[in-house]
Amino acid sequence: LLEFKVQADDVMHRHIRTSRGMITMHDLPNSGYIHA
């Protein structure tokens, strides 16, 4: 999950752009990590 934090920060802070973002819901970490 800590490794994913960098990716989450990128999504949150790169919201102003003209092209479509490349990170999708399929890029989220495994739900087991979150549940733990």
All heavy atoms as atom14 arrays in JSON, in Angstrom:
{
  "sequence": "LLEFKVQADDVMHRHIRTSRGMITMHDLPNSGYIHA",
  "atom14_mask": [
    [1, 1, 1, 1, 1, 1, 1, 1, 0, 0, 0, 0, 0, 0],
    [1, 1, 1, 1, 1, 1, 1, 1, 0, 0, 0, 0, 0, 0],
    [1, 1, 1, 1, 1, 1, 1, 1, 1, 0, 0, 0, 0, 0],
    [1, 1, 1, 1, 1, 1, 1, 1, 1, 1, 1, 0, 0, 0],
    [1, 1, 1, 1, 1, 1, 1, 1, 1, 0, 0, 0, 0, 0],
    [1, 1, 1, 1, 1, 1, 1, 0, 0, 0, 0, 0, 0, 0],
    [1, 1, 1, 1, 1, 1, 1, 1, 1, 0, 0, 0, 0, 0],
    [1, 1, 1, 1, 1, 0, 0, 0, 0, 0, 0, 0, 0, 0],
    [1, 1, 1, 1, 1, 1, 1, 1, 0, 0, 0, 0, 0, 0],
    [1, 1, 1, 1, 1, 1, 1, 1, 0, 0, 0, 0, 0, 0],
    [1, 1, 1, 1, 1, 1, 1, 0, 0, 0, 0, 0, 0, 0],
    [1, 1, 1, 1, 1, 1, 1, 1, 0, 0, 0, 0, 0, 0],
    [1, 1, 1, 1, 1, 1, 1, 1, 1, 1, 0, 0, 0, 0],
    [1, 1, 1, 1, 1, 1, 1, 1, 1, 1, 1, 0, 0, 0],
    [1, 1, 1, 1, 1, 1, 1, 1, 1, 1, 0, 0, 0, 0],
    [1, 1, 1, 1, 1, 1, 1, 1, 0, 0, 0, 0, 0, 0],
    [1, 1, 1, 1, 1, 1, 1, 1, 1, 1, 1, 0, 0, 0],
    [1, 1, 1, 1, 1, 1, 1, 0, 0, 0, 0, 0, 0, 0],
    [1, 1, 1, 1, 1, 1, 0, 0, 0, 0, 0, 0, 0, 0],
    [1, 1, 1, 1, 1, 1, 1, 1, 1, 1, 1, 0, 0, 0],
    [1, 1, 1, 1, 0, 0, 0, 0, 0, 0, 0, 0, 0, 0],
    [1, 1, 1, 1, 1, 1, 1, 1, 0, 0, 0, 0, 0, 0],
    [1, 1, 1, 1, 1, 1, 1, 1, 0, 0, 0, 0, 0, 0],
    [1, 1, 1, 1, 1, 1, 1, 0, 0, 0, 0, 0, 0, 0],
    [1, 1, 1, 1, 1, 1, 1, 1, 0, 0, 0, 0, 0, 0],
    [1, 1, 1, 1, 1, 1, 1, 1, 1, 1, 0, 0, 0, 0],
    [1, 1, 1, 1, 1, 1, 1, 1, 0, 0, 0, 0, 0, 0],
    [1, 1, 1, 1, 1, 1, 1, 1, 0, 0, 0, 0, 0, 0],
    [1, 1, 1, 1, 1, 1, 1, 0, 0, 0, 0, 0, 0, 0],
    [1, 1, 1, 1, 1, 1, 1, 1, 0, 0, 0, 0, 0, 0],
    [1, 1, 1, 1, 1, 1, 0, 0, 0, 0, 0, 0, 0, 0],
    [1, 1, 1, 1, 0, 0, 0, 0, 0, 0, 0, 0, 0, 0],
    [1, 1, 1, 1, 1, 1, 1, 1, 1, 1, 1, 1, 0, 0],
    [1, 1, 1, 1, 1, 1, 1, 1, 0, 0, 0, 0, 0, 0],
    [1, 1, 1, 1, 1, 1, 1, 1, 1, 1, 0, 0, 0, 0],
    [1, 1, 1, 1, 1, 0, 0, 0, 0, 0, 0, 0, 0, 0]
  ],
  "atom14_positions": [
    [[0.83, -1.2, 0.0], [0.0, 0.0, 0.0], [0.86, 1.25, 0.0], [0.53, 2.25, -0.64], [-0.95, 0.01, 1.2], [-2.1, -0.99, 1.12], [-2.89, -0.98, 2.43], [-3.01, -0.67, -0.05], [0.0, 0.0, 0.0], [0.0, 0.0, 0.0], [0.0, 0.0, 0.0], [0.0, 0.0, 0.0], [0.0, 0.0, 0.0], [0.0, 0.0, 0.0]],
    [[1.97, 1.21, 0.72], [2.89, 2.36, 0.71], [3.45, 2.6, -0.69], [3.61, 3.74, -1.11], [4.04, 2.14, 1.69], [3.73, 2.43, 3.14], [4.91, 2.08, 4.02], [3.35, 3.88, 3.32], [0.0, 0.0, 0.0], [0.0, 0.0, 0.0], [0.0, 0.0, 0.0], [0.0, 0.0, 0.0], [0.0, 0.0, 0.0], [0.0, 0.0, 0.0]],
    [[3.74, 1.52, -1.4], [4.22, 1.66, -2.77], [3.15, 2.32, -3.63], [3.45, 3.11, -4.52], [4.59, 0.3, -3.34], [5.8, -0.33, -2.69], [6.0, -1.79, -3.07], [5.26, -2.31, -3.95], [6.89, -2.43, -2.5], [0.0, 0.0, 0.0], [0.0, 0.0, 0.0], [0.0, 0.0, 0.0], [0.0, 0.0, 0.0], [0.0, 0.0, 0.0]],
    [[1.89, 2.02, -3.37], [0.79, 2.59, -4.14], [0.58, 4.07, -3.83], [0.06, 4.81, -4.66], [-0.51, 1.83, -3.85], [-1.7, 2.44, -4.54], [-1.9, 2.25, -5.89], [-2.6, 3.21, -3.83], [-2.99, 2.82, -6.52], [-3.69, 3.79, -4.45], [-3.89, 3.59, -5.81], [0.0, 0.0, 0.0], [0.0, 0.0, 0.0], [0.0, 0.0, 0.0]],
    [[1.02, 4.52, -2.67], [0.8, 5.91, -2.27], [1.37, 6.9, -3.29], [0.78, 7.93, -3.57], [1.38, 6.17, -0.89], [1.01, 7.52, -0.33], [1.46, 7.68, 1.1], [1.04, 9.05, 1.6], [1.48, 9.31, 2.93], [0.0, 0.0, 0.0], [0.0, 0.0, 0.0], [0.0, 0.0, 0.0], [0.0, 0.0, 0.0], [0.0, 0.0, 0.0]],
    [[2.49, 6.58, -3.88], [3.09, 7.44, -4.9], [2.14, 7.56, -6.08], [1.89, 8.65, -6.6], [4.46, 6.89, -5.36], [5.0, 7.67, -6.54], [5.44, 6.91, -4.21], [0.0, 0.0, 0.0], [0.0, 0.0, 0.0], [0.0, 0.0, 0.0], [0.0, 0.0, 0.0], [0.0, 0.0, 0.0], [0.0, 0.0, 0.0], [0.0, 0.0, 0.0]],
    [[1.57, 6.45, -6.49], [0.64, 6.44, -7.61], [-0.63, 7.23, -7.25], [-1.14, 8.0, -8.06], [0.29, 5.0, -7.95], [-0.55, 4.83, -9.18], [-0.75, 3.36, -9.49], [-0.04, 2.49, -9.0], [-1.73, 3.07, -10.31], [0.0, 0.0, 0.0], [0.0, 0.0, 0.0], [0.0, 0.0, 0.0], [0.0, 0.0, 0.0], [0.0, 0.0, 0.0]],
    [[-1.13, 7.07, -6.05], [-2.31, 7.8, -5.61], [-2.05, 9.3, -5.59], [-2.9, 10.09, -5.99], [-2.74, 7.3, -4.23], [0.0, 0.0, 0.0], [0.0, 0.0, 0.0], [0.0, 0.0, 0.0], [0.0, 0.0, 0.0], [0.0, 0.0, 0.0], [0.0, 0.0, 0.0], [0.0, 0.0, 0.0], [0.0, 0.0, 0.0], [0.0, 0.0, 0.0]],
    [[-0.88, 9.68, -5.12], [-0.5, 11.1, -5.12], [-0.47, 11.64, -6.56], [-0.92, 12.76, -6.82], [0.86, 11.31, -4.47], [0.81, 11.16, -2.97], [-0.29, 11.18, -2.4], [1.89, 11.02, -2.36], [0.0, 0.0, 0.0], [0.0, 0.0, 0.0], [0.0, 0.0, 0.0], [0.0, 0.0, 0.0], [0.0, 0.0, 0.0], [0.0, 0.0, 0.0]],
    [[0.05, 10.85, -7.48], [0.12, 11.27, -8.87], [-1.28, 11.54, -9.42], [-1.52, 12.55, -10.07], [0.83, 10.2, -9.7], [0.97, 10.59, -11.15], [1.36, 11.74, -11.42], [0.67, 9.75, -12.01], [0.0, 0.0, 0.0], [0.0, 0.0, 0.0], [0.0, 0.0, 0.0], [0.0, 0.0, 0.0], [0.0, 0.0, 0.0], [0.0, 0.0, 0.0]],
    [[-2.21, 10.64, -9.16], [-3.57, 10.8, -9.65], [-4.2, 12.06, -9.07], [-4.86, 12.83, -9.77], [-4.43, 9.57, -9.3], [-5.9, 9.83, -9.57], [-3.95, 8.37, -10.09], [0.0, 0.0, 0.0], [0.0, 0.0, 0.0], [0.0, 0.0, 0.0], [0.0, 0.0, 0.0], [0.0, 0.0, 0.0], [0.0, 0.0, 0.0], [0.0, 0.0, 0.0]],
    [[-3.98, 12.31, -7.78], [-4.59, 13.46, -7.12], [-4.0, 14.78, -7.6], [-4.71, 15.78, -7.68], [-4.42, 13.36, -5.61], [-5.19, 12.24, -4.97], [-6.96, 12.44, -5.13], [-7.22, 13.84, -4.08], [0.0, 0.0, 0.0], [0.0, 0.0, 0.0], [0.0, 0.0, 0.0], [0.0, 0.0, 0.0], [0.0, 0.0, 0.0], [0.0, 0.0, 0.0]],
    [[-2.74, 14.81, -7.91], [-2.07, 16.07, -8.19], [-1.89, 16.37, -9.68], [-1.47, 17.46, -10.04], [-0.71, 16.12, -7.49], [-0.85, 16.07, -6.01], [-1.37, 17.11, -5.28], [-0.59, 15.08, -5.12], [-1.4, 16.77, -4.0], [-0.92, 15.55, -3.88], [0.0, 0.0, 0.0], [0.0, 0.0, 0.0], [0.0, 0.0, 0.0], [0.0, 0.0, 0.0]],
    [[-2.22, 15.44, -10.52], [-2.09, 15.66, -11.96], [-3.45, 15.78, -12.63], [-3.61, 15.4, -13.77], [-1.36, 14.49, -12.6], [0.06, 14.84, -12.93], [0.52, 13.87, -13.95], [1.64, 13.14, -13.39], [2.55, 12.56, -14.12], [2.46, 12.53, -15.42], [3.56, 11.96, -13.56], [0.0, 0.0, 0.0], [0.0, 0.0, 0.0], [0.0, 0.0, 0.0]],
    [[-4.41, 16.31, -11.94], [-5.77, 16.36, -12.47], [-5.97, 17.43, -13.54], [-6.96, 17.41, -14.26], [-6.78, 16.52, -11.35], [-6.63, 17.8, -10.59], [-5.69, 17.94, -9.61], [-7.26, 18.98, -10.69], [-5.77, 19.17, -9.13], [-6.71, 19.82, -9.76], [0.0, 0.0, 0.0], [0.0, 0.0, 0.0], [0.0, 0.0, 0.0], [0.0, 0.0, 0.0]],
    [[-5.06, 18.37, -13.66], [-5.2, 19.41, -14.68], [-4.28, 19.05, -15.84], [-3.07, 19.22, -15.77], [-4.83, 20.79, -14.1], [-5.72, 21.12, -12.93], [-4.93, 21.85, -15.19], [-5.33, 22.39, -12.21], [0.0, 0.0, 0.0], [0.0, 0.0, 0.0], [0.0, 0.0, 0.0], [0.0, 0.0, 0.0], [0.0, 0.0, 0.0], [0.0, 0.0, 0.0]],
    [[-4.88, 18.56, -16.89], [-4.12, 18.23, -18.09], [-5.1, 18.15, -19.26], [-6.3, 18.02, -19.07], [-3.35, 16.93, -17.93], [-4.23, 15.74, -17.68], [-3.4, 14.46, -17.6], [-3.99, 13.6, -16.6], [-3.31, 12.89, -15.74], [-2.02, 12.91, -15.75], [-3.91, 12.15, -14.85], [0.0, 0.0, 0.0], [0.0, 0.0, 0.0], [0.0, 0.0, 0.0]],
    [[-4.57, 18.19, -20.43], [-5.43, 18.14, -21.61], [-5.63, 16.71, -22.09], [-6.63, 16.42, -22.73], [-4.85, 18.98, -22.75], [-3.52, 18.53, -23.03], [-4.81, 20.45, -22.36], [0.0, 0.0, 0.0], [0.0, 0.0, 0.0], [0.0, 0.0, 0.0], [0.0, 0.0, 0.0], [0.0, 0.0, 0.0], [0.0, 0.0, 0.0], [0.0, 0.0, 0.0]],
    [[-4.71, 15.82, -21.78], [-4.86, 14.43, -22.22], [-5.5, 13.59, -21.11], [-5.46, 13.94, -19.94], [-3.49, 13.84, -22.59], [-2.65, 13.82, -21.46], [0.0, 0.0, 0.0], [0.0, 0.0, 0.0], [0.0, 0.0, 0.0], [0.0, 0.0, 0.0], [0.0, 0.0, 0.0], [0.0, 0.0, 0.0], [0.0, 0.0, 0.0], [0.0, 0.0, 0.0]],
    [[-6.07, 12.48, -21.51], [-6.72, 11.57, -20.57], [-5.68, 10.87, -19.7], [-4.61, 10.49, -20.17], [-7.51, 10.55, -21.37], [-8.28, 9.6, -20.52], [-9.08, 8.66, -21.38], [-9.6, 7.62, -20.52], [-10.5, 6.76, -20.87], [-10.99, 6.79, -22.09], [-10.92, 5.85, -20.04], [0.0, 0.0, 0.0], [0.0, 0.0, 0.0], [0.0, 0.0, 0.0]],
    [[-6.01, 10.69, -18.41], [-5.1, 10.0, -17.5], [-4.93, 8.53, -17.87], [-5.82, 7.91, -18.45], [0.0, 0.0, 0.0], [0.0, 0.0, 0.0], [0.0, 0.0, 0.0], [0.0, 0.0, 0.0], [0.0, 0.0, 0.0], [0.0, 0.0, 0.0], [0.0, 0.0, 0.0], [0.0, 0.0, 0.0], [0.0, 0.0, 0.0], [0.0, 0.0, 0.0]],
    [[-3.8, 7.97, -17.54], [-3.51, 6.58, -17.88], [-3.78, 5.62, -16.73], [-3.82, 4.42, -16.92], [-2.04, 6.45, -18.3], [-1.68, 7.27, -19.53], [-2.63, 6.82, -20.99], [-2.03, 5.19, -21.31], [0.0, 0.0, 0.0], [0.0, 0.0, 0.0], [0.0, 0.0, 0.0], [0.0, 0.0, 0.0], [0.0, 0.0, 0.0], [0.0, 0.0, 0.0]],
    [[-3.96, 6.13, -15.52], [-4.2, 5.27, -14.37], [-5.7, 5.04, -14.25], [-6.49, 5.97, -14.27], [-3.63, 5.91, -13.09], [-2.12, 6.06, -13.23], [-3.98, 5.08, -11.87], [-1.47, 6.82, -12.11], [0.0, 0.0, 0.0], [0.0, 0.0, 0.0], [0.0, 0.0, 0.0], [0.0, 0.0, 0.0], [0.0, 0.0, 0.0], [0.0, 0.0, 0.0]],
    [[-6.09, 3.77, -14.13], [-7.5, 3.41, -14.06], [-7.79, 2.66, -12.77], [-6.87, 2.36, -11.98], [-7.89, 2.51, -15.24], [-7.25, 1.23, -15.08], [-7.48, 3.11, -16.58], [0.0, 0.0, 0.0], [0.0, 0.0, 0.0], [0.0, 0.0, 0.0], [0.0, 0.0, 0.0], [0.0, 0.0, 0.0], [0.0, 0.0, 0.0], [0.0, 0.0, 0.0]],
    [[-9.04, 2.3, -12.58], [-9.43, 1.52, -11.4], [-8.72, 0.17, -11.36], [-8.54, -0.4, -10.31], [-10.95, 1.31, -11.39], [-11.73, 2.58, -11.17], [-11.4, 3.33, -9.57], [-12.28, 2.23, -8.49], [0.0, 0.0, 0.0], [0.0, 0.0, 0.0], [0.0, 0.0, 0.0], [0.0, 0.0, 0.0], [0.0, 0.0, 0.0], [0.0, 0.0, 0.0]],
    [[-8.31, -0.33, -12.51], [-7.61, -1.61, -12.56], [-6.2, -1.52, -11.97], [-5.57, -2.54, -11.71], [-7.54, -2.13, -14.0], [-8.88, -2.36, -14.6], [-9.71, -3.38, -14.21], [-9.55, -1.66, -15.54], [-10.83, -3.33, -14.88], [-10.77, -2.28, -15.7], [0.0, 0.0, 0.0], [0.0, 0.0, 0.0], [0.0, 0.0, 0.0], [0.0, 0.0, 0.0]],
    [[-5.73, -0.31, -11.75], [-4.4, -0.11, -11.19], [-4.39, -0.06, -9.67], [-3.34, 0.07, -9.06], [-3.78, 1.19, -11.74], [-3.58, 1.13, -13.24], [-3.07, 0.1, -13.72], [-3.95, 2.1, -13.92], [0.0, 0.0, 0.0], [0.0, 0.0, 0.0], [0.0, 0.0, 0.0], [0.0, 0.0, 0.0], [0.0, 0.0, 0.0], [0.0, 0.0, 0.0]],
    [[-5.57, -0.13, -9.05], [-5.64, -0.1, -7.59], [-4.98, -1.34, -7.0], [-4.96, -2.4, -7.63], [-7.1, -0.04, -7.13], [-7.81, 1.27, -7.39], [-9.29, 1.13, -7.02], [-7.18, 2.4, -6.6], [0.0, 0.0, 0.0], [0.0, 0.0, 0.0], [0.0, 0.0, 0.0], [0.0, 0.0, 0.0], [0.0, 0.0, 0.0], [0.0, 0.0, 0.0]],
    [[-4.48, -1.23, -5.78], [-3.87, -2.4, -5.15], [-4.93, -3.46, -4.85], [-6.12, -3.18, -4.78], [-3.27, -1.84, -3.86], [-3.89, -0.53, -3.64], [-4.41, -0.04, -4.94], [0.0, 0.0, 0.0], [0.0, 0.0, 0.0], [0.0, 0.0, 0.0], [0.0, 0.0, 0.0], [0.0, 0.0, 0.0], [0.0, 0.0, 0.0], [0.0, 0.0, 0.0]],
    [[-4.47, -4.65, -4.64], [-5.32, -5.78, -4.28], [-6.18, -5.44, -3.07], [-5.68, -4.89, -2.09], [-4.41, -6.98, -4.0], [-5.15, -8.22, -3.66], [-5.93, -8.26, -2.72], [-4.9, -9.26, -4.44], [0.0, 0.0, 0.0], [0.0, 0.0, 0.0], [0.0, 0.0, 0.0], [0.0, 0.0, 0.0], [0.0, 0.0, 0.0], [0.0, 0.0, 0.0]],
    [[-7.46, -5.79, -3.1], [-8.35, -5.45, -1.99], [-7.94, -6.14, -0.69], [-8.24, -5.66, 0.39], [-9.8, -5.79, -2.34], [-9.95, -7.18, -2.57], [0.0, 0.0, 0.0], [0.0, 0.0, 0.0], [0.0, 0.0, 0.0], [0.0, 0.0, 0.0], [0.0, 0.0, 0.0], [0.0, 0.0, 0.0], [0.0, 0.0, 0.0], [0.0, 0.0, 0.0]],
    [[-7.24, -7.25, -0.79], [-6.76, -7.92, 0.43], [-5.81, -7.05, 1.24], [-5.82, -7.08, 2.47], [0.0, 0.0, 0.0], [0.0, 0.0, 0.0], [0.0, 0.0, 0.0], [0.0, 0.0, 0.0], [0.0, 0.0, 0.0], [0.0, 0.0, 0.0], [0.0, 0.0, 0.0], [0.0, 0.0, 0.0], [0.0, 0.0, 0.0], [0.0, 0.0, 0.0]],
    [[-5.01, -6.24, 0.55], [-4.09, -5.33, 1.23], [-4.89, -4.3, 2.03], [-4.57, -3.99, 3.18], [-3.21, -4.57, 0.25], [-2.43, -5.41, -0.74], [-1.91, -4.83, -1.88], [-2.21, -6.77, -0.55], [-1.18, -5.56, -2.8], [-1.49, -7.51, -1.47], [-0.98, -6.91, -2.59], [-0.26, -7.64, -3.49], [0.0, 0.0, 0.0], [0.0, 0.0, 0.0]],
    [[-5.92, -3.79, 1.41], [-6.75, -2.77, 2.05], [-7.49, -3.36, 3.24], [-7.54, -2.78, 4.32], [-7.74, -2.18, 1.03], [-6.98, -1.55, -0.13], [-8.68, -1.17, 1.69], [-7.81, -1.35, -1.38], [0.0, 0.0, 0.0], [0.0, 0.0, 0.0], [0.0, 0.0, 0.0], [0.0, 0.0, 0.0], [0.0, 0.0, 0.0], [0.0, 0.0, 0.0]],
    [[-8.04, -4.56, 3.07], [-8.77, -5.21, 4.16], [-7.87, -5.49, 5.36], [-8.29, -5.32, 6.5], [-9.41, -6.51, 3.67], [-10.48, -6.28, 2.65], [-10.98, -7.29, 1.87], [-11.14, -5.16, 2.27], [-11.9, -6.82, 1.06], [-12.02, -5.52, 1.29], [0.0, 0.0, 0.0], [0.0, 0.0, 0.0], [0.0, 0.0, 0.0], [0.0, 0.0, 0.0]],
    [[-6.64, -5.89, 5.1], [-5.7, -6.15, 6.21], [-5.44, -4.87, 6.99], [-5.44, -4.87, 8.23], [-4.39, -6.72, 5.66], [0.0, 0.0, 0.0], [0.0, 0.0, 0.0], [0.0, 0.0, 0.0], [0.0, 0.0, 0.0], [0.0, 0.0, 0.0], [0.0, 0.0, 0.0], [0.0, 0.0, 0.0], [0.0, 0.0, 0.0], [0.0, 0.0, 0.0]]
  ]
}
